[in-house]
Protein backbone atom coordinates (compact mmCIF):
# COMPACT_ATOMS: atom_id res chain seq x y z
CA UNK A 1 0.18 0.18 0.07
CA UNK A 2 1.49 2.78 -1.22
CA UNK A 3 0.84 6.49 1.58
CA UNK A 4 0.22 9.52 -0.57
CA UNK A 5 0.64 13.08 0.57
CA UNK A 6 -0.47 15.50 -2.28
CA UNK A 7 1.03 19.12 -2.89
CA UNK A 8 -2.02 20.81 -4.88
CA UNK A 9 -5.72 20.17 -4.26
CA UNK A 10 -7.13 21.67 -7.70
CA UNK A 11 -8.61 18.89 -10.76
CA UNK A 12 -6.07 17.20 -11.74
CA UNK A 13 -5.18 16.38 -8.09
CA UNK A 14 -8.81 15.05 -7.15
CA UNK A 15 -8.80 12.68 -10.79
CA UNK A 16 -5.53 11.14 -9.54
CA UNK A 17 -6.69 10.11 -5.96
CA UNK A 18 -9.82 9.14 -7.21
CA UNK A 19 -7.98 7.03 -9.51
CA UNK A 20 -5.40 5.85 -7.22
CA UNK A 21 -7.56 5.07 -4.55
CA UNK A 22 -9.86 2.83 -7.10
CA UNK A 23 -6.50 0.39 -7.61
CA UNK A 24 -6.56 -0.27 -3.92
CA UNK A 25 -3.09 0.42 -3.94
CA UNK A 26 -2.82 3.72 -2.26
CA UNK A 27 -4.13 5.64 0.98
CA UNK A 28 -4.61 9.63 0.79
CA UNK A 29 -2.63 10.33 4.16
CA UNK A 30 -1.63 13.62 3.76
CA UNK A 31 -2.60 17.12 1.76
CA UNK A 32 -0.83 20.62 1.98
CA UNK A 33 -2.20 23.57 0.69
CA UNK A 34 -1.31 27.37 1.24
CA UNK A 35 -4.63 27.10 2.67
CA UNK A 36 -6.07 25.21 5.69
CA UNK A 37 -9.51 25.26 4.79
CA UNK A 38 -8.93 24.03 1.13
CA UNK A 39 -6.61 21.31 2.69
CA UNK A 40 -9.35 20.26 5.34
CA UNK A 41 -12.32 20.66 2.45
CA UNK A 42 -10.16 18.58 -0.21
CA UNK A 43 -9.14 15.79 2.76
CA UNK A 44 -13.10 15.49 3.57
CA UNK A 45 -14.17 15.21 0.10
CA UNK A 46 -11.59 12.56 -0.50
CA UNK A 47 -11.79 10.90 2.96
CA UNK A 48 -15.00 8.20 2.08
CA UNK A 49 -13.09 6.93 -0.80
CA UNK A 50 -9.75 6.12 1.76
CA UNK A 51 -9.14 2.70 1.90
CA UNK A 52 -8.73 3.19 5.58
CA UNK A 53 -11.85 5.08 6.10
CA UNK A 54 -13.42 2.21 8.30
CA UNK A 55 -10.69 2.72 10.61
CA UNK A 56 -9.80 5.47 12.87
CA UNK A 57 -7.44 6.87 10.23
CA UNK A 58 -7.69 10.56 9.33
CA UNK A 59 -5.98 12.77 6.47
CA UNK A 60 -3.96 14.90 8.00
CA UNK A 61 -3.85 18.80 6.33
CA UNK A 62 -0.33 20.76 6.39
CA UNK A 63 0.10 24.22 5.07
CA UNK A 64 4.24 23.49 5.33
CA UNK A 65 5.61 21.41 2.62
CA UNK A 66 8.61 20.51 4.94
CA UNK A 67 5.73 19.19 7.47
CA UNK A 68 4.21 17.25 4.62
CA UNK A 69 7.09 15.63 3.16
CA UNK A 70 8.58 15.23 7.00
CA UNK A 71 5.52 13.49 7.57
CA UNK A 72 6.92 9.31 8.50
CA UNK A 73 3.35 8.41 8.01
CA UNK A 74 3.92 9.27 3.92
CA UNK A 75 5.92 7.37 1.58
CA UNK A 76 5.55 8.94 -2.15
CA UNK A 77 3.98 12.47 -2.64
CA UNK A 78 2.07 13.24 -5.57
CA UNK A 79 2.43 17.14 -7.27
CA UNK A 80 0.24 19.49 -9.08
CA UNK A 81 1.16 22.90 -8.27
CA UNK A 82 2.01 25.69 -10.76
CA UNK A 83 4.32 24.72 -13.38
CA UNK A 84 7.04 27.09 -11.79
CA UNK A 85 6.85 25.36 -8.28
CA UNK A 86 7.61 21.88 -9.61
CA UNK A 87 11.27 22.02 -9.36
CA UNK A 88 11.42 23.03 -6.11
CA UNK A 89 8.75 20.95 -4.52
CA UNK A 90 10.13 17.70 -5.97
CA UNK A 91 13.45 18.54 -4.70
CA UNK A 92 12.49 19.24 -1.67
CA UNK A 93 9.70 16.08 -1.49
CA UNK A 94 13.16 13.98 -2.39
CA UNK A 95 15.43 15.38 -0.12
CA UNK A 96 12.96 14.33 2.35
CA UNK A 97 13.60 10.31 0.95
CA UNK A 98 9.81 10.27 -0.81
CA UNK A 99 9.14 8.87 -4.01
CA UNK A 100 7.73 11.48 -6.26
CA UNK A 101 5.03 11.47 -8.80
CA UNK A 102 5.22 15.02 -10.44
CA UNK A 103 2.53 16.35 -12.96
CA UNK A 104 3.97 17.17 -16.28
CA UNK A 105 5.63 19.40 -17.13
CA UNK A 106 7.65 17.78 -14.97
CA UNK A 107 10.64 21.15 -14.42
CA UNK A 108 11.65 24.14 -16.98
CA UNK A 109 14.24 22.92 -17.90
CA UNK A 110 16.47 19.57 -18.31
CA UNK A 111 19.51 20.51 -16.29
CA UNK A 112 16.80 21.22 -13.44
CA UNK A 113 15.20 17.63 -14.52
CA UNK A 114 18.60 15.81 -14.71
CA UNK A 115 19.11 16.95 -10.83
CA UNK A 116 15.94 15.77 -9.52
CA UNK A 117 17.13 11.95 -11.39
CA UNK A 118 20.76 12.77 -9.63
CA UNK A 119 19.16 13.46 -6.36
CA UNK A 120 16.04 10.15 -6.82
CA UNK A 121 18.68 8.07 -7.61
CA UNK A 122 21.43 8.98 -4.61
CA UNK A 123 18.05 8.65 -2.22
CA UNK A 124 17.18 5.20 -3.73
CA UNK A 125 13.56 6.69 -4.17
CA UNK A 126 11.27 6.61 -7.72
CA UNK A 127 10.92 10.03 -10.00
CA UNK A 128 8.12 9.37 -12.03
CA UNK A 129 6.41 12.26 -14.48
CA UNK A 130 2.34 11.78 -14.73
CA UNK A 131 1.95 10.71 -18.91
CA UNK A 132 -1.49 9.47 -17.67
CA UNK A 133 -2.02 9.32 -21.67
CA UNK A 134 1.21 6.78 -22.44
CA UNK A 135 -0.15 4.14 -19.84
CA UNK A 136 -3.50 4.14 -21.13
CA UNK A 137 -5.07 0.58 -22.66
CA UNK A 138 -6.03 2.42 -25.71
CA UNK A 139 -2.76 4.06 -26.51
CA UNK A 140 -1.28 1.11 -25.58
CA UNK A 141 -3.12 -0.32 -28.32
CA UNK A 142 -2.14 2.27 -31.07
CA UNK A 143 1.43 1.50 -30.08
CA UNK A 144 1.04 -2.07 -31.06
CA UNK A 145 -1.42 -1.48 -34.24
CA UNK A 146 1.92 0.66 -35.82
CA UNK A 147 3.75 -3.04 -35.96
CA UNK A 148 0.71 -5.11 -36.81
CA UNK A 149 -1.19 -3.14 -39.14
CA UNK A 150 1.33 -0.40 -40.65
CA UNK A 151 4.00 -2.41 -41.01
CA UNK A 152 6.38 -0.76 -38.13
CA UNK A 153 8.60 2.46 -37.62
CA UNK A 154 10.29 1.92 -41.14
CA UNK A 155 6.80 1.80 -42.75
CA UNK A 156 5.12 5.34 -42.03
CA UNK A 157 5.43 8.42 -43.96
CA UNK A 158 3.71 10.98 -41.28
CA UNK A 159 1.94 11.73 -38.81
CA UNK A 160 -0.64 14.43 -36.82
CA UNK A 161 -1.13 14.74 -33.56
CA UNK A 162 -3.51 17.27 -32.04
CA UNK A 163 -4.62 18.43 -28.70
CA UNK A 164 -6.56 21.65 -28.74
CA UNK A 165 -9.11 22.56 -26.28
CA UNK A 166 -10.46 25.84 -25.11
CA UNK A 167 -9.55 27.49 -22.02
CA UNK A 168 -12.21 29.67 -20.16
CA UNK A 169 -8.84 31.51 -18.67
CA UNK A 170 -8.59 32.64 -22.12
CA UNK A 171 -11.28 35.25 -21.78
CA UNK A 172 -9.99 36.38 -18.49
CA UNK A 173 -6.44 37.13 -20.41
CA UNK A 174 -9.02 39.22 -22.94
CA UNK A 175 -10.54 40.89 -19.94
CA UNK A 176 -7.49 42.11 -18.94
CA UNK A 177 -6.15 39.11 -16.10
CA UNK A 178 -3.30 37.34 -15.89
CA UNK A 179 -3.83 33.46 -15.23
CA UNK A 180 -0.97 31.35 -14.39
CA UNK A 181 -1.65 28.86 -17.32
CA UNK A 182 -1.05 32.12 -19.55
CA UNK A 183 1.92 34.08 -17.51
CA UNK A 184 5.25 32.88 -18.34
CA UNK A 185 6.74 33.90 -14.65
CA UNK A 186 4.06 30.81 -13.51
CA UNK A 187 5.78 28.78 -16.04
CA UNK A 188 2.79 28.76 -18.63
CA UNK A 189 1.72 28.57 -22.05
CA UNK A 190 -0.15 26.26 -24.00
CA UNK A 191 2.76 24.31 -25.35
CA UNK A 192 3.73 22.97 -21.66
CA UNK A 193 0.12 22.58 -20.97
CA UNK A 194 -1.43 20.93 -23.92
CA UNK A 195 1.51 20.95 -26.39
CA UNK A 196 3.17 18.78 -24.25
CA UNK A 197 0.89 16.33 -23.82
CA UNK A 198 1.43 15.99 -27.94
CA UNK A 199 5.20 15.77 -28.01
CA UNK A 200 5.03 12.69 -25.46
CA UNK A 201 2.87 10.61 -27.49
CA UNK A 202 5.37 11.64 -30.42
CA UNK A 203 8.28 10.08 -28.99
CA UNK A 204 6.73 7.28 -27.17
CA UNK A 205 5.60 6.16 -30.61
CA UNK A 206 8.16 7.34 -32.89
CA UNK A 207 11.76 7.76 -30.85
CA UNK A 208 13.31 11.29 -30.57
CA UNK A 209 13.49 13.33 -33.26
CA UNK A 210 16.42 14.90 -35.44
CA UNK A 211 15.32 18.21 -34.80
CA UNK A 212 12.40 20.23 -34.59
CA UNK A 213 10.65 23.65 -34.84
CA UNK A 214 8.00 25.60 -33.13
CA UNK A 215 5.39 28.25 -35.03
CA UNK A 216 3.57 30.14 -32.04
CA UNK A 217 1.16 32.21 -31.58
CA UNK A 218 1.57 34.47 -29.02
CA UNK A 219 -0.47 36.02 -26.85
CA UNK A 220 -0.51 39.82 -24.68
CA UNK A 221 1.08 38.00 -22.00
CA UNK A 222 3.64 37.32 -24.23
CA UNK A 223 2.94 33.32 -23.35
CA UNK A 224 1.91 31.31 -26.73
CA UNK A 225 -1.89 30.49 -26.65
CA UNK A 226 -1.00 27.58 -29.35
CA UNK A 227 0.96 26.75 -31.83
CA UNK A 228 2.50 24.21 -34.33
CA UNK A 229 5.48 21.72 -33.56
CA UNK A 230 7.59 20.02 -36.80
CA UNK A 231 9.23 16.64 -35.57
CA UNK A 232 11.78 15.60 -37.83
CA UNK A 233 13.13 12.18 -38.20
CA UNK A 234 16.57 10.94 -39.94
CA UNK A 235 14.91 8.87 -42.19
CA UNK A 236 12.50 11.91 -43.89
CA UNK A 237 9.99 10.71 -41.42
CA UNK A 238 7.94 14.26 -40.48
CA UNK A 239 4.96 14.44 -37.76
CA UNK A 240 3.37 17.62 -37.30
CA UNK A 241 2.39 18.37 -33.26
CA UNK A 242 -0.97 20.72 -32.67
CA UNK A 243 -1.48 22.41 -29.65
CA UNK A 244 -4.24 24.98 -28.42
CA UNK A 245 -6.01 27.03 -25.81
CA UNK A 246 -7.88 29.32 -27.77
CA UNK A 247 -10.02 26.88 -29.13
CA UNK A 248 -11.35 23.47 -29.95
CA UNK A 249 -10.78 21.48 -32.68
CA UNK A 250 -12.44 17.72 -32.98
CA UNK A 251 -9.80 16.62 -36.20
CA UNK A 252 -8.65 12.99 -35.18
CA UNK A 253 -5.03 12.18 -34.36
CA UNK A 254 -3.62 10.01 -37.19
CA UNK A 255 -0.40 8.09 -38.21
CA UNK A 256 -0.07 7.28 -41.81
CA UNK A 257 1.72 4.57 -43.71
CA UNK A 258 0.83 3.32 -47.45
CA UNK A 259 -0.65 0.10 -45.37
CA UNK A 260 -3.22 2.17 -44.08
CA UNK A 261 -3.79 4.63 -41.23
CA UNK A 262 -4.14 4.72 -37.80
CA UNK A 263 -6.64 7.16 -36.15
CA UNK A 264 -7.76 7.91 -32.45
CA UNK A 265 -10.17 10.87 -31.65
CA UNK A 266 -7.83 12.35 -29.35
CA UNK A 267 -4.27 11.73 -27.89
CA UNK A 268 -5.49 11.55 -24.10
CA UNK A 269 -7.76 9.90 -22.40
CA UNK A 270 -8.28 7.84 -25.77
CA UNK A 271 -11.80 6.55 -26.84
CA UNK A 272 -10.92 4.57 -29.54
CA UNK A 273 -8.82 3.65 -32.29
CA UNK A 274 -9.33 2.82 -35.88
CA UNK A 275 -7.48 1.44 -39.04
CA UNK A 276 -8.35 2.52 -42.58
CA UNK A 277 -7.13 -0.05 -44.86
CA UNK A 278 -6.92 2.03 -48.43
CA UNK A 279 -7.24 -1.39 -50.75
CA UNK A 280 -9.82 -2.80 -49.20
CA UNK A 281 -11.79 0.27 -48.15
CA UNK A 282 -13.00 -0.63 -44.83
CA UNK A 283 -12.41 0.71 -41.81
CA UNK A 284 -11.48 -1.64 -39.38
CA UNK A 285 -11.74 -1.20 -34.93
CA UNK A 286 -8.88 -1.95 -32.94
CA UNK A 287 -10.24 -0.20 -29.49
CA UNK A 288 -13.32 0.44 -28.61
CA UNK A 289 -13.90 3.72 -25.77
CA UNK A 290 -12.37 3.36 -22.60
CA UNK A 291 -14.60 2.10 -20.07
CA UNK A 292 -11.93 3.19 -17.41
CA UNK A 293 -13.02 6.93 -18.74
CA UNK A 294 -15.81 8.16 -16.46
CA UNK A 295 -18.11 11.13 -17.96
CA UNK A 296 -16.40 14.17 -16.17
CA UNK A 297 -13.14 12.22 -14.87
CA UNK A 298 -9.64 11.78 -16.55
CA UNK A 299 -8.36 8.12 -17.05
CA UNK A 300 -5.55 8.21 -14.46
CA UNK A 301 -6.45 4.69 -13.13
CA UNK A 302 -3.67 3.11 -15.32
CA UNK A 303 -1.06 5.54 -14.81
CA UNK A 304 -1.95 4.69 -10.76
CA UNK A 305 -1.79 1.47 -11.31
CA UNK A 306 1.94 1.15 -12.68
CA UNK A 307 3.68 3.91 -10.78
CA UNK A 308 2.56 1.58 -8.20
CA UNK A 309 3.64 -1.56 -9.55
CA UNK A 310 6.73 0.21 -10.63
CA UNK A 311 6.92 1.43 -6.73
CA UNK A 312 5.76 -1.35 -4.99
CA UNK A 313 8.29 -4.14 -7.37
CA UNK A 314 10.92 -1.94 -7.09
CA UNK A 315 11.20 -1.88 -10.97
CA UNK A 316 14.38 0.54 -12.14
CA UNK A 317 14.34 -1.11 -15.52
CA UNK A 318 10.85 0.49 -16.36
CA UNK A 319 11.44 3.70 -14.18
CA UNK A 320 14.40 4.29 -16.39
CA UNK A 321 12.74 3.87 -19.40
CA UNK A 322 10.23 6.45 -18.53
CA UNK A 323 12.99 8.60 -17.24
CA UNK A 324 14.67 8.52 -20.50
CA UNK A 325 10.66 9.48 -22.14
CA UNK A 326 11.17 12.27 -19.65
CA UNK A 327 14.45 13.62 -20.42
CA UNK A 328 13.71 13.81 -23.85
CA UNK A 329 9.99 15.41 -24.18
CA UNK A 330 11.63 18.35 -22.24
CA UNK A 331 14.21 19.11 -24.18
CA UNK A 332 12.29 19.24 -27.11
CA UNK A 333 9.96 21.40 -25.44
CA UNK A 334 12.68 23.43 -23.56
CA UNK A 335 14.35 24.34 -26.98
CA UNK A 336 11.02 25.37 -28.72
CA UNK A 337 10.59 27.65 -26.26
CA UNK A 338 13.73 29.38 -25.79
CA UNK A 339 14.15 29.37 -29.85
CA UNK A 340 10.76 31.28 -29.80
CA UNK A 341 11.61 33.91 -26.67
CA UNK A 342 9.65 31.89 -24.15
CA UNK A 343 11.49 32.01 -21.25
CA UNK A 344 11.21 31.32 -17.55
CA UNK A 345 12.10 32.88 -14.87
CA UNK A 346 15.92 32.23 -14.24
CA UNK A 347 16.36 31.64 -17.72
CA UNK A 348 19.02 34.12 -19.74
């Protein structure tokens, strides 16, 4: 059983806690918030789902991160705070000898991420970045189908991955406010919020590109509201990644080969995988709707289950593969930001 402490009380933390508790592998032990009232409300909301709810156990609440990470009852910390705080909070948690599940984007720079992985190794604990989509059953079906239906990576011509979702906070920006997600001082922008999912998917499916170039739409705040990222591979394979928080898109994400086309309606929380055979002119459904995704909830159960397995079995090999992936994703995203002047605090 993983004894969990959480930093952050937003909707993503709620979704993770519910999903984690549904696996029967986690117990929520503690909650941090700057506001004690907020922490207590969150703890009360999730206490009924705790595996320990039938005992005298109560969820602790903290307004000090130092107190939370030094709590002997906690072995793993889940961090879903504003992007710019990830590095310092993960560093503090790892220093205290806790496993860390860190929401994306892990850090602002590869240098910061390298520091965290080195610290985790020295403490013999796990640092796992929360890429929920690459753990989803339907995403795994998509990855397998590249070999079984398209003839493998060498047979691919191109791919187009989308994640474009209108944010209500965009209207706040238009009204003159500065939400964190559109504030470079808080590590914001569409690329690091939604676009990074497409980068993570592309690198998990196709490997690390030889080169990349980002074409952002910059906002009045200086951050990117959306954009197009082109990944180019040595064999002339090209991947087009499109993301936006300024509008919605219903365009599917697709992978192309002369043998056919693989298609998913969304690149995360994947609701179905289909294969189009251009010769037979037939569509084959390879995977239907993922029943793990409930209305209004994210599919985090597969991710939570795999993280519990890695931590419980001390599977350093699997953790190492995820480490390489996290580093390569951040390398592409950091370069794309810097080349377009999308710089966070502390960057020259």
